[in-house]
């Protein structure tokens, strides 16, 4: 079982992302609050099981309305998690 992490998202349709990262640095149980139900399901299925650096590389820089997007905001949240995680190890 992994600990759930929550990050606030800004400038996109979703408001929060919740996810777990396992011991192998792979994302588990990704959930978005708010936003399009189809996008939430698709992102969750595509992201779960992939490593944090891979997901950041895939999602970072994707733009939507007003220059932000749910995928880019998820990448930012994962980078924050990664920075915090690297500091504590």
Protein backbone atom coordinates (compact mmCIF):
# COMPACT_ATOMS: atom_id res chain seq x y z
CA UNK A 1 0.00 0.00 0.00
CA UNK A 2 1.28 3.48 -0.75
CA UNK A 3 0.57 6.85 0.84
CA UNK A 4 -1.83 9.13 -1.03
CA UNK A 5 -0.51 12.56 -2.03
CA UNK A 6 -2.75 15.51 -2.92
CA UNK A 7 -1.81 18.59 -4.91
CA UNK A 8 -3.85 21.62 -5.93
CA UNK A 9 -4.13 22.32 -9.67
CA UNK A 10 -4.55 25.81 -11.14
CA UNK A 11 -5.66 27.14 -14.49
CA UNK A 12 -7.35 23.94 -15.65
CA UNK A 13 -10.70 22.19 -15.27
CA UNK A 14 -9.61 19.88 -12.43
CA UNK A 15 -8.96 21.32 -8.98
CA UNK A 16 -6.93 18.59 -7.25
CA UNK A 17 -4.93 15.50 -8.16
CA UNK A 18 -4.55 12.56 -5.76
CA UNK A 19 -2.05 9.80 -6.39
CA UNK A 20 0.15 7.19 -4.77
CA UNK A 21 3.71 6.36 -5.76
CA UNK A 22 4.93 2.85 -4.97
CA UNK A 23 8.44 1.74 -3.94
CA UNK A 24 9.42 1.36 -7.60
CA UNK A 25 8.58 5.04 -8.24
CA UNK A 26 5.47 4.07 -10.23
CA UNK A 27 2.20 5.96 -9.98
CA UNK A 28 -0.78 4.17 -8.48
CA UNK A 29 -4.42 5.21 -7.95
CA UNK A 30 -4.33 8.55 -9.77
CA UNK A 31 -7.57 10.51 -9.33
CA UNK A 32 -8.58 14.00 -10.43
CA UNK A 33 -11.21 16.17 -8.73
CA UNK A 34 -13.34 18.15 -11.15
CA UNK A 35 -12.98 18.36 -14.88
CA UNK A 36 -14.19 16.17 -17.70
CA UNK A 37 -15.10 12.61 -16.64
CA UNK A 38 -13.67 11.14 -19.84
CA UNK A 39 -10.34 12.94 -19.44
CA UNK A 40 -10.10 11.85 -15.81
CA UNK A 41 -10.66 8.19 -16.70
CA UNK A 42 -8.30 8.30 -19.68
CA UNK A 43 -5.46 9.99 -17.80
CA UNK A 44 -5.82 7.62 -14.87
CA UNK A 45 -5.63 4.55 -17.11
CA UNK A 46 -2.73 5.90 -19.15
CA UNK A 47 -0.67 7.08 -16.17
CA UNK A 48 -1.14 4.32 -13.60
CA UNK A 49 1.78 1.92 -13.53
CA UNK A 50 4.21 4.29 -15.23
CA UNK A 51 7.20 5.82 -13.46
CA UNK A 52 7.08 9.41 -12.25
CA UNK A 53 9.84 10.66 -14.61
CA UNK A 54 8.18 9.03 -17.63
CA UNK A 55 4.81 10.61 -16.85
CA UNK A 56 6.38 14.03 -16.31
CA UNK A 57 8.09 13.73 -19.68
CA UNK A 58 4.85 12.72 -21.40
CA UNK A 59 2.59 15.38 -19.86
CA UNK A 60 4.79 18.41 -19.26
CA UNK A 61 4.13 21.28 -21.64
CA UNK A 62 0.74 20.13 -22.95
CA UNK A 63 -1.37 23.27 -23.29
CA UNK A 64 -5.11 23.83 -23.42
CA UNK A 65 -7.21 26.91 -22.66
CA UNK A 66 -5.39 29.92 -21.27
CA UNK A 67 -2.04 28.10 -21.56
CA UNK A 68 -2.73 25.51 -18.86
CA UNK A 69 -4.01 21.94 -19.00
CA UNK A 70 -4.84 19.06 -16.66
CA UNK A 71 -1.92 16.99 -18.03
CA UNK A 72 0.59 19.83 -17.56
CA UNK A 73 -0.72 20.52 -14.06
CA UNK A 74 -0.35 16.82 -13.18
CA UNK A 75 3.26 16.99 -14.41
CA UNK A 76 3.85 20.03 -12.17
CA UNK A 77 2.36 18.19 -9.18
CA UNK A 78 4.56 15.16 -9.86
CA UNK A 79 7.63 17.39 -10.07
CA UNK A 80 6.73 18.90 -6.69
CA UNK A 81 6.32 15.39 -5.26
CA UNK A 82 9.65 14.35 -6.81
CA UNK A 83 11.47 17.37 -5.33
CA UNK A 84 10.00 16.71 -1.89
CA UNK A 85 10.74 12.99 -2.14
CA UNK A 86 14.36 13.57 -3.23
CA UNK A 87 14.91 15.98 -0.32
CA UNK A 88 13.72 13.40 2.21
CA UNK A 89 15.89 10.53 0.92
